[in-house]
């Protein structure tokens, strides 16, 4: 912990792994961490996208690797092969928007495997490495759906609530080893995952009006929260959920989407 408060957010010399860095929130966070001095490894199942982000990150310290977060051996291989790991940020998720009674087992397994199993694999591998070195910050992307839900979001919400509880458990277990673990809960963010909603003007507008700010977020508006949790500015913050939702969960009301 620095005593020079001007350096609270300085990540110079720290090594970060951003999983899901090929697009959306992951891309913005990778660029944001690099802007604050971190050496960023951009990981994504789409390695070409990760390479594009690494090249455009504004520094010469970023690199790219292919990573399927649902493959335990691949996750352990990538994390174990890093020169160092001070920060992990993980963003990947998918959603199948359907009523629970219409969900198939295959759809359930697909969403749970990526969102929940993938989060567990990343947490386990990063946690083991950080515990061994006695320091580190883990930032997982959960969602407001870990707190509130609407029709068609049941399985997705369950995985995001599960990710949050994994984070809280890891924070409790690894606090003595100097490892912090936190989660971020975005509201509605314009990403590839939410593109189908944007294509429906009524749905898109209803979501915008649900929040206190009356609009959707951009991926870049998630960067401040991620940098904060990764940095010394959050040195006494662990096991918590940082909500970045434009006031969505502060207000009542519900929109029933066209499922």
C-alpha atoms as a PDB file:
ATOM      1  CA  UNK A   1       0.000   0.000   0.000  1.00  0.00           C
ATOM      2  CA  UNK A   2       1.475   3.317  -1.102  1.00  0.00           C
ATOM      3  CA  UNK A   3       1.537   6.380   1.152  1.00  0.00           C
ATOM      4  CA  UNK A   4       1.651   8.627  -1.918  1.00  0.00           C
ATOM      5  CA  UNK A   5      -2.044   8.978  -2.689  1.00  0.00           C
ATOM      6  CA  UNK A   6      -1.282  10.190  -6.198  1.00  0.00           C
ATOM      7  CA  UNK A   7      -0.119   6.654  -6.992  1.00  0.00           C
ATOM      8  CA  UNK A   8      -3.137   4.788  -5.634  1.00  0.00           C
ATOM      9  CA  UNK A   9      -4.272   3.769  -9.119  1.00  0.00           C
ATOM     10  CA  UNK A  10      -0.784   3.252 -10.560  1.00  0.00           C
ATOM     11  CA  UNK A  11      -0.401  -0.275 -11.946  1.00  0.00           C
ATOM     12  CA  UNK A  12       3.115   0.149 -13.300  1.00  0.00           C
ATOM     13  CA  UNK A  13       5.037  -3.104 -13.326  1.00  0.00           C
ATOM     14  CA  UNK A  14       2.037  -5.247 -12.443  1.00  0.00           C
ATOM     15  CA  UNK A  15       1.076  -8.158 -14.626  1.00  0.00           C
ATOM     16  CA  UNK A  16      -2.579  -8.554 -15.509  1.00  0.00           C
ATOM     17  CA  UNK A  17      -4.535 -11.254 -17.282  1.00  0.00           C
ATOM     18  CA  UNK A  18      -7.838 -10.217 -18.832  1.00  0.00           C
ATOM     19  CA  UNK A  19     -10.010 -13.139 -19.923  1.00  0.00           C
ATOM     20  CA  UNK A  20     -12.514 -12.164 -22.576  1.00  0.00           C
ATOM     21  CA  UNK A  21     -10.308  -9.324 -23.809  1.00  0.00           C
ATOM     22  CA  UNK A  22     -11.291  -9.783 -27.441  1.00  0.00           C
ATOM     23  CA  UNK A  23     -14.418  -7.634 -27.303  1.00  0.00           C
ATOM     24  CA  UNK A  24     -16.853  -5.654 -25.183  1.00  0.00           C
ATOM     25  CA  UNK A  25     -16.090  -5.045 -21.533  1.00  0.00           C
ATOM     26  CA  UNK A  26     -12.987  -7.232 -21.600  1.00  0.00           C
ATOM     27  CA  UNK A  27     -11.478  -5.220 -24.418  1.00  0.00           C
ATOM     28  CA  UNK A  28     -12.104  -1.930 -22.623  1.00  0.00           C
ATOM     29  CA  UNK A  29     -10.718  -3.245 -19.329  1.00  0.00           C
ATOM     30  CA  UNK A  30      -7.565  -4.570 -20.997  1.00  0.00           C
ATOM     31  CA  UNK A  31      -6.948  -1.168 -22.535  1.00  0.00           C
ATOM     32  CA  UNK A  32      -7.729   0.572 -19.253  1.00  0.00           C
ATOM     33  CA  UNK A  33      -5.338  -1.529 -17.192  1.00  0.00           C
ATOM     34  CA  UNK A  34      -2.618  -0.928 -19.768  1.00  0.00           C
ATOM     35  CA  UNK A  35      -3.276   2.820 -19.634  1.00  0.00           C
ATOM     36  CA  UNK A  36      -2.545   2.731 -15.894  1.00  0.00           C
ATOM     37  CA  UNK A  37       0.747   0.939 -16.463  1.00  0.00           C
ATOM     38  CA  UNK A  38      -0.066  -2.772 -16.218  1.00  0.00           C
ATOM     39  CA  UNK A  39       1.533  -5.361 -18.460  1.00  0.00           C
ATOM     40  CA  UNK A  40      -1.588  -6.985 -19.889  1.00  0.00           C
ATOM     41  CA  UNK A  41      -2.081 -10.446 -21.316  1.00  0.00           C
ATOM     42  CA  UNK A  42      -5.217 -10.405 -23.466  1.00  0.00           C
ATOM     43  CA  UNK A  43      -6.871 -13.823 -23.408  1.00  0.00           C
ATOM     44  CA  UNK A  44      -9.840 -14.864 -25.497  1.00  0.00           C
ATOM     45  CA  UNK A  45     -11.213 -17.940 -27.218  1.00  0.00           C
ATOM     46  CA  UNK A  46     -10.893 -15.800 -30.359  1.00  0.00           C
ATOM     47  CA  UNK A  47      -7.151 -15.271 -30.384  1.00  0.00           C
ATOM     48  CA  UNK A  48      -7.268 -13.014 -33.456  1.00  0.00           C
ATOM     49  CA  UNK A  49      -9.518 -10.611 -31.557  1.00  0.00           C
ATOM     50  CA  UNK A  50      -7.212 -10.770 -28.538  1.00  0.00           C
ATOM     51  CA  UNK A  51      -4.225  -9.995 -30.753  1.00  0.00           C
ATOM     52  CA  UNK A  52      -6.028  -6.989 -32.218  1.00  0.00           C
ATOM     53  CA  UNK A  53      -6.700  -5.619 -28.725  1.00  0.00           C
ATOM     54  CA  UNK A  54      -3.131  -6.281 -27.593  1.00  0.00           C
ATOM     55  CA  UNK A  55      -1.750  -4.417 -30.602  1.00  0.00           C
ATOM     56  CA  UNK A  56      -4.076  -1.482 -30.068  1.00  0.00           C
ATOM     57  CA  UNK A  57      -3.640  -1.185 -26.322  1.00  0.00           C
ATOM     58  CA  UNK A  58      -1.359   1.809 -26.532  1.00  0.00           C
ATOM     59  CA  UNK A  59       1.628   0.076 -24.918  1.00  0.00           C
ATOM     60  CA  UNK A  60       4.309  -2.343 -26.034  1.00  0.00           C
ATOM     61  CA  UNK A  61       3.808  -4.641 -23.029  1.00  0.00           C
ATOM     62  CA  UNK A  62       0.521  -6.280 -24.045  1.00  0.00           C
ATOM     63  CA  UNK A  63       0.408  -9.768 -25.508  1.00  0.00           C
ATOM     64  CA  UNK A  64      -2.330 -12.176 -26.564  1.00  0.00           C
ATOM     65  CA  UNK A  65      -3.100 -15.822 -25.861  1.00  0.00           C
ATOM     66  CA  UNK A  66      -5.897 -18.176 -26.843  1.00  0.00           C
ATOM     67  CA  UNK A  67      -7.965 -19.307 -23.879  1.00  0.00           C
ATOM     68  CA  UNK A  68     -11.156 -21.308 -23.621  1.00  0.00           C
ATOM     69  CA  UNK A  69     -12.300 -20.597 -20.069  1.00  0.00           C
ATOM     70  CA  UNK A  70     -14.317 -23.832 -19.968  1.00  0.00           C
ATOM     71  CA  UNK A  71     -11.209 -25.982 -20.524  1.00  0.00           C
ATOM     72  CA  UNK A  72      -9.523 -26.660 -17.173  1.00  0.00           C
ATOM     73  CA  UNK A  73      -6.212 -27.741 -18.679  1.00  0.00           C
ATOM     74  CA  UNK A  74      -6.094 -24.673 -20.888  1.00  0.00           C
ATOM     75  CA  UNK A  75      -6.918 -22.318 -18.021  1.00  0.00           C
ATOM     76  CA  UNK A  76      -4.277 -23.869 -15.778  1.00  0.00           C
ATOM     77  CA  UNK A  77      -1.746 -23.913 -18.611  1.00  0.00           C
ATOM     78  CA  UNK A  78      -2.185 -20.259 -19.499  1.00  0.00           C
ATOM     79  CA  UNK A  79      -2.196 -19.009 -15.908  1.00  0.00           C
ATOM     80  CA  UNK A  80       0.620 -21.294 -14.872  1.00  0.00           C
ATOM     81  CA  UNK A  81       2.697 -20.202 -17.863  1.00  0.00           C
ATOM     82  CA  UNK A  82       2.503 -16.484 -17.174  1.00  0.00           C
ATOM     83  CA  UNK A  83       5.704 -14.789 -16.085  1.00  0.00           C
ATOM     84  CA  UNK A  84       3.777 -13.226 -13.243  1.00  0.00           C
ATOM     85  CA  UNK A  85       0.178 -12.597 -12.201  1.00  0.00           C
ATOM     86  CA  UNK A  86      -0.849  -9.694 -10.004  1.00  0.00           C
ATOM     87  CA  UNK A  87      -4.306  -9.039 -11.460  1.00  0.00           C
ATOM     88  CA  UNK A  88      -6.963 -11.265 -12.981  1.00  0.00           C
ATOM     89  CA  UNK A  89     -10.072  -9.841 -14.631  1.00  0.00           C
ATOM     90  CA  UNK A  90     -12.595 -12.257 -16.123  1.00  0.00           C
ATOM     91  CA  UNK A  91     -15.569 -11.174 -18.248  1.00  0.00           C
ATOM     92  CA  UNK A  92     -16.892 -14.017 -20.480  1.00  0.00           C
ATOM     93  CA  UNK A  93     -20.584 -14.904 -20.308  1.00  0.00           C
ATOM     94  CA  UNK A  94     -23.437 -16.019 -22.512  1.00  0.00           C
ATOM     95  CA  UNK A  95     -27.202 -15.853 -22.091  1.00  0.00           C
ATOM     96  CA  UNK A  96     -30.096 -17.807 -23.550  1.00  0.00           C
ATOM     97  CA  UNK A  97     -33.154 -15.654 -22.903  1.00  0.00           C
ATOM     98  CA  UNK A  98     -36.032 -18.084 -22.408  1.00  0.00           C
ATOM     99  CA  UNK A  99     -38.602 -18.865 -19.727  1.00  0.00           C
ATOM    100  CA  UNK A 100     -37.381 -21.549 -17.333  1.00  0.00           C
ATOM    101  CA  UNK A 101     -40.064 -23.991 -18.441  1.00  0.00           C
ATOM    102  CA  UNK A 102     -38.873 -23.742 -22.042  1.00  0.00           C
ATOM    103  CA  UNK A 103     -35.176 -24.274 -21.279  1.00  0.00           C
ATOM    104  CA  UNK A 104     -33.579 -27.429 -22.609  1.00  0.00           C
ATOM    105  CA  UNK A 105     -30.907 -29.323 -20.706  1.00  0.00           C
ATOM    106  CA  UNK A 106     -28.437 -28.518 -23.466  1.00  0.00           C
ATOM    107  CA  UNK A 107     -29.119 -24.791 -23.126  1.00  0.00           C
ATOM    108  CA  UNK A 108     -28.829 -25.005 -19.342  1.00  0.00           C
ATOM    109  CA  UNK A 109     -25.495 -26.794 -19.571  1.00  0.00           C
ATOM    110  CA  UNK A 110     -24.178 -24.344 -22.160  1.00  0.00           C
ATOM    111  CA  UNK A 111     -24.891 -21.279 -20.016  1.00  0.00           C
ATOM    112  CA  UNK A 112     -23.770 -22.847 -16.737  1.00  0.00           C
ATOM    113  CA  UNK A 113     -20.593 -24.293 -18.254  1.00  0.00           C
ATOM    114  CA  UNK A 114     -19.311 -20.987 -19.548  1.00  0.00           C
ATOM    115  CA  UNK A 115     -20.625 -18.583 -16.928  1.00  0.00           C
ATOM    116  CA  UNK A 116     -20.229 -20.598 -13.735  1.00  0.00           C
ATOM    117  CA  UNK A 117     -17.781 -23.422 -14.430  1.00  0.00           C
ATOM    118  CA  UNK A 118     -15.551 -21.048 -16.388  1.00  0.00           C
ATOM    119  CA  UNK A 119     -15.537 -18.588 -13.516  1.00  0.00           C
ATOM    120  CA  UNK A 120     -14.670 -21.358 -11.075  1.00  0.00           C
ATOM    121  CA  UNK A 121     -11.772 -22.585 -13.209  1.00  0.00           C
ATOM    122  CA  UNK A 122     -10.329 -19.084 -13.525  1.00  0.00           C
ATOM    123  CA  UNK A 123     -10.762 -18.361  -9.825  1.00  0.00           C
ATOM    124  CA  UNK A 124      -9.151 -21.635  -8.820  1.00  0.00           C
ATOM    125  CA  UNK A 125      -6.104 -21.327 -11.059  1.00  0.00           C
ATOM    126  CA  UNK A 126      -5.480 -17.655 -10.325  1.00  0.00           C
ATOM    127  CA  UNK A 127      -6.181 -18.119  -6.630  1.00  0.00           C
ATOM    128  CA  UNK A 128      -3.654 -20.918  -6.317  1.00  0.00           C
ATOM    129  CA  UNK A 129      -0.954 -18.874  -7.990  1.00  0.00           C
ATOM    130  CA  UNK A 130      -1.661 -15.683  -6.076  1.00  0.00           C
ATOM    131  CA  UNK A 131      -1.886 -17.485  -2.730  1.00  0.00           C
ATOM    132  CA  UNK A 132       1.526 -19.024  -3.339  1.00  0.00           C
ATOM    133  CA  UNK A 133       3.076 -15.607  -4.000  1.00  0.00           C
ATOM    134  CA  UNK A 134       1.198 -13.878  -1.170  1.00  0.00           C
ATOM    135  CA  UNK A 135      -0.568 -11.166  -3.161  1.00  0.00           C
ATOM    136  CA  UNK A 136      -2.987 -10.499  -5.978  1.00  0.00           C
ATOM    137  CA  UNK A 137      -6.322  -9.017  -6.980  1.00  0.00           C
ATOM    138  CA  UNK A 138      -9.090 -10.962  -8.722  1.00  0.00           C
ATOM    139  CA  UNK A 139     -11.965  -9.110 -10.380  1.00  0.00           C
ATOM    140  CA  UNK A 140     -14.853 -11.168 -11.749  1.00  0.00           C
ATOM    141  CA  UNK A 141     -17.713  -9.726 -13.748  1.00  0.00           C
ATOM    142  CA  UNK A 142     -21.030 -10.699 -12.245  1.00  0.00           C
ATOM    143  CA  UNK A 143     -24.191  -8.732 -13.088  1.00  0.00           C
ATOM    144  CA  UNK A 144     -27.134  -6.911 -11.587  1.00  0.00           C
ATOM    145  CA  UNK A 145     -28.854 -10.215 -12.350  1.00  0.00           C
ATOM    146  CA  UNK A 146     -27.077 -11.621  -9.306  1.00  0.00           C
ATOM    147  CA  UNK A 147     -29.415  -9.349  -7.324  1.00  0.00           C
ATOM    148  CA  UNK A 148     -32.564  -8.874  -9.405  1.00  0.00           C
ATOM    149  CA  UNK A 149     -34.155 -10.889 -12.179  1.00  0.00           C
ATOM    150  CA  UNK A 150     -36.875 -10.704 -14.826  1.00  0.00           C
ATOM    151  CA  UNK A 151     -38.656 -13.239 -17.059  1.00  0.00           C
ATOM    152  CA  UNK A 152     -36.240 -15.113 -19.285  1.00  0.00           C
ATOM    153  CA  UNK A 153     -33.163 -14.469 -17.150  1.00  0.00           C
ATOM    154  CA  UNK A 154     -33.388 -17.291 -14.616  1.00  0.00           C
ATOM    155  CA  UNK A 155     -30.406 -19.435 -15.618  1.00  0.00           C
ATOM    156  CA  UNK A 156     -28.178 -16.479 -16.437  1.00  0.00           C
ATOM    157  CA  UNK A 157     -29.067 -14.886 -13.095  1.00  0.00           C
ATOM    158  CA  UNK A 158     -28.294 -18.108 -11.267  1.00  0.00           C
ATOM    159  CA  UNK A 159     -24.821 -18.257 -12.794  1.00  0.00           C
ATOM    160  CA  UNK A 160     -24.106 -14.628 -11.958  1.00  0.00           C
ATOM    161  CA  UNK A 161     -25.257 -15.109  -8.367  1.00  0.00           C
ATOM    162  CA  UNK A 162     -23.116 -18.224  -8.218  1.00  0.00           C
ATOM    163  CA  UNK A 163     -20.074 -16.350  -9.483  1.00  0.00           C
ATOM    164  CA  UNK A 164     -20.579 -13.729  -6.787  1.00  0.00           C
ATOM    165  CA  UNK A 165     -20.721 -16.371  -4.073  1.00  0.00           C
ATOM    166  CA  UNK A 166     -17.563 -18.018  -5.414  1.00  0.00           C
ATOM    167  CA  UNK A 167     -15.843 -14.644  -5.202  1.00  0.00           C
ATOM    168  CA  UNK A 168     -16.990 -14.110  -1.621  1.00  0.00           C
ATOM    169  CA  UNK A 169     -15.819 -17.579  -0.596  1.00  0.00           C
ATOM    170  CA  UNK A 170     -12.426 -17.108  -2.215  1.00  0.00           C
ATOM    171  CA  UNK A 171     -12.013 -13.716  -0.558  1.00  0.00           C
ATOM    172  CA  UNK A 172     -12.653 -15.351   2.796  1.00  0.00           C
ATOM    173  CA  UNK A 173     -10.333 -18.275   2.143  1.00  0.00           C
ATOM    174  CA  UNK A 174      -7.412 -16.342   0.659  1.00  0.00           C
ATOM    175  CA  UNK A 175      -7.529 -13.138   2.671  1.00  0.00           C
ATOM    176  CA  UNK A 176      -4.810 -14.442   5.018  1.00  0.00           C
ATOM    177  CA  UNK A 177      -2.576 -14.989   1.977  1.00  0.00           C
ATOM    178  CA  UNK A 178      -2.944 -11.386   0.834  1.00  0.00           C
ATOM    179  CA  UNK A 179      -5.261 -12.140  -2.089  1.00  0.00           C
ATOM    180  CA  UNK A 180      -8.299  -9.962  -2.718  1.00  0.00           C
ATOM    181  CA  UNK A 181     -11.325 -11.095  -4.744  1.00  0.00           C
ATOM    182  CA  UNK A 182     -14.221  -8.875  -5.803  1.00  0.00           C
ATOM    183  CA  UNK A 183     -17.004  -8.762  -8.369  1.00  0.00           C
ATOM    184  CA  UNK A 184     -18.483  -6.049 -10.552  1.00  0.00           C
ATOM    185  CA  UNK A 185     -22.190  -5.923 -11.381  1.00  0.00           C
ATOM    186  CA  UNK A 186     -22.834  -4.016 -14.585  1.00  0.00           C
ATOM    187  CA  UNK A 187     -26.297  -2.951 -15.588  1.00  0.00           C
ATOM    188  CA  UNK A 188     -27.126  -2.761 -19.282  1.00  0.00           C
ATOM    189  CA  UNK A 189     -23.977  -2.334 -21.376  1.00  0.00           C
ATOM    190  CA  UNK A 190     -23.721  -2.114 -25.138  1.00  0.00           C
ATOM    191  CA  UNK A 191     -21.720  -5.242 -25.978  1.00  0.00           C
ATOM    192  CA  UNK A 192     -22.002  -8.145 -28.447  1.00  0.00           C
ATOM    193  CA  UNK A 193     -23.936 -10.044 -25.754  1.00  0.00           C
ATOM    194  CA  UNK A 194     -26.691  -7.415 -25.684  1.00  0.00           C
ATOM    195  CA  UNK A 195     -26.794  -6.709 -29.429  1.00  0.00           C
ATOM    196  CA  UNK A 196     -30.140  -8.535 -29.899  1.00  0.00           C
ATOM    197  CA  UNK A 197     -31.768  -6.095 -27.472  1.00  0.00           C
ATOM    198  CA  UNK A 198     -30.401  -3.089 -29.305  1.00  0.00           C
ATOM    199  CA  UNK A 199     -32.000  -4.461 -32.464  1.00  0.00           C
ATOM    200  CA  UNK A 200     -35.413  -4.160 -30.759  1.00  0.00           C
ATOM    201  CA  UNK A 201     -36.056  -0.405 -30.278  1.00  0.00           C
ATOM    202  CA  UNK A 202     -38.844  -0.832 -27.706  1.00  0.00           C
ATOM    203  CA  UNK A 203     -36.809  -3.242 -25.592  1.00  0.00           C
ATOM    204  CA  UNK A 204     -33.660  -1.121 -25.877  1.00  0.00           C
ATOM    205  CA  UNK A 205     -35.518   2.060 -24.877  1.00  0.00           C
ATOM    206  CA  UNK A 206     -37.276   0.365 -21.967  1.00  0.00           C
ATOM    207  CA  UNK A 207     -33.971  -0.794 -20.522  1.00  0.00           C
ATOM    208  CA  UNK A 208     -32.476   2.673 -20.943  1.00  0.00           C
ATOM    209  CA  UNK A 209     -35.391   4.256 -19.115  1.00  0.00           C
ATOM    210  CA  UNK A 210     -35.220   1.711 -16.277  1.00  0.00           C
ATOM    211  CA  UNK A 211     -31.989   3.192 -14.917  1.00  0.00           C
ATOM    212  CA  UNK A 212     -31.759   6.509 -13.096  1.00  0.00           C
ATOM    213  CA  UNK A 213     -29.419   7.899 -15.743  1.00  0.00           C
ATOM    214  CA  UNK A 214     -31.821   6.999 -18.536  1.00  0.00           C
ATOM    215  CA  UNK A 215     -29.303   5.357 -20.838  1.00  0.00           C
ATOM    216  CA  UNK A 216     -27.182   2.317 -21.474  1.00  0.00           C
ATOM    217  CA  UNK A 217     -23.518   2.137 -20.466  1.00  0.00           C
ATOM    218  CA  UNK A 218     -20.573   1.813 -22.790  1.00  0.00           C
ATOM    219  CA  UNK A 219     -17.914  -0.831 -22.091  1.00  0.00           C
ATOM    220  CA  UNK A 220     -15.484   1.932 -21.197  1.00  0.00           C
ATOM    221  CA  UNK A 221     -17.649   2.912 -18.239  1.00  0.00           C
ATOM    222  CA  UNK A 222     -16.746  -0.377 -16.570  1.00  0.00           C
ATOM    223  CA  UNK A 223     -13.021   0.405 -16.658  1.00  0.00           C
ATOM    224  CA  UNK A 224     -12.950   2.706 -13.630  1.00  0.00           C
ATOM    225  CA  UNK A 225     -14.439   0.046 -11.371  1.00  0.00           C
ATOM    226  CA  UNK A 226     -12.020  -2.605 -12.635  1.00  0.00           C
ATOM    227  CA  UNK A 227      -8.961  -0.369 -12.240  1.00  0.00           C
ATOM    228  CA  UNK A 228     -10.098   0.615  -8.755  1.00  0.00           C
ATOM    229  CA  UNK A 229     -10.495  -2.985  -7.584  1.00  0.00           C
ATOM    230  CA  UNK A 230      -7.208  -4.025  -9.179  1.00  0.00           C
ATOM    231  CA  UNK A 231      -5.220  -1.187  -7.637  1.00  0.00           C
ATOM    232  CA  UNK A 232      -3.945  -0.135  -4.215  1.00  0.00           C
ATOM    233  CA  UNK A 233      -6.921   2.228  -4.015  1.00  0.00           C
ATOM    234  CA  UNK A 234      -8.920  -0.891  -3.083  1.00  0.00           C
ATOM    235  CA  UNK A 235      -6.296  -2.430  -0.803  1.00  0.00           C
ATOM    236  CA  UNK A 236      -8.891  -2.980   1.962  1.00  0.00           C
ATOM    237  CA  UNK A 237     -11.713  -4.038  -0.365  1.00  0.00           C
ATOM    238  CA  UNK A 238     -12.393  -7.750  -0.763  1.00  0.00           C
ATOM    239  CA  UNK A 239     -15.371 -10.060  -0.991  1.00  0.00           C
ATOM    240  CA  UNK A 240     -17.674  -7.335  -2.249  1.00  0.00           C
ATOM    241  CA  UNK A 241     -19.902  -6.547  -5.209  1.00  0.00           C
ATOM    242  CA  UNK A 242     -19.379  -3.178  -6.866  1.00  0.00           C
ATOM    243  CA  UNK A 243     -22.577  -2.238  -8.689  1.00  0.00           C
ATOM    244  CA  UNK A 244     -22.109  -0.147 -11.845  1.00  0.00           C
ATOM    245  CA  UNK A 245     -25.660   0.020 -13.147  1.00  0.00           C
ATOM    246  CA  UNK A 246     -26.610   3.652 -13.689  1.00  0.00           C
ATOM    247  CA  UNK A 247     -29.082   3.449 -10.826  1.00  0.00           C
ATOM    248  CA  UNK A 248     -31.008   0.426 -12.175  1.00  0.00           C
ATOM    249  CA  UNK A 249     -31.242  -1.393  -8.845  1.00  0.00           C
ATOM    250  CA  UNK A 250     -32.040   1.830  -6.966  1.00  0.00           C
ATOM    251  CA  UNK A 251     -35.420   2.109  -8.653  1.00  0.00           C
ATOM    252  CA  UNK A 252     -38.577   0.025  -8.803  1.00  0.00           C
ATOM    253  CA  UNK A 253     -40.230  -1.178 -11.989  1.00  0.00           C
ATOM    254  CA  UNK A 254     -40.017  -4.032 -14.415  1.00  0.00           C
ATOM    255  CA  UNK A 255     -40.030  -4.510 -18.161  1.00  0.00           C
ATOM    256  CA  UNK A 256     -41.296  -7.819 -19.489  1.00  0.00           C
ATOM    257  CA  UNK A 257     -39.167  -8.568 -22.555  1.00  0.00           C
ATOM    258  CA  UNK A 258     -40.567 -10.102 -25.744  1.00  0.00           C
ATOM    259  CA  UNK A 259     -39.426 -13.689 -25.263  1.00  0.00           C
END
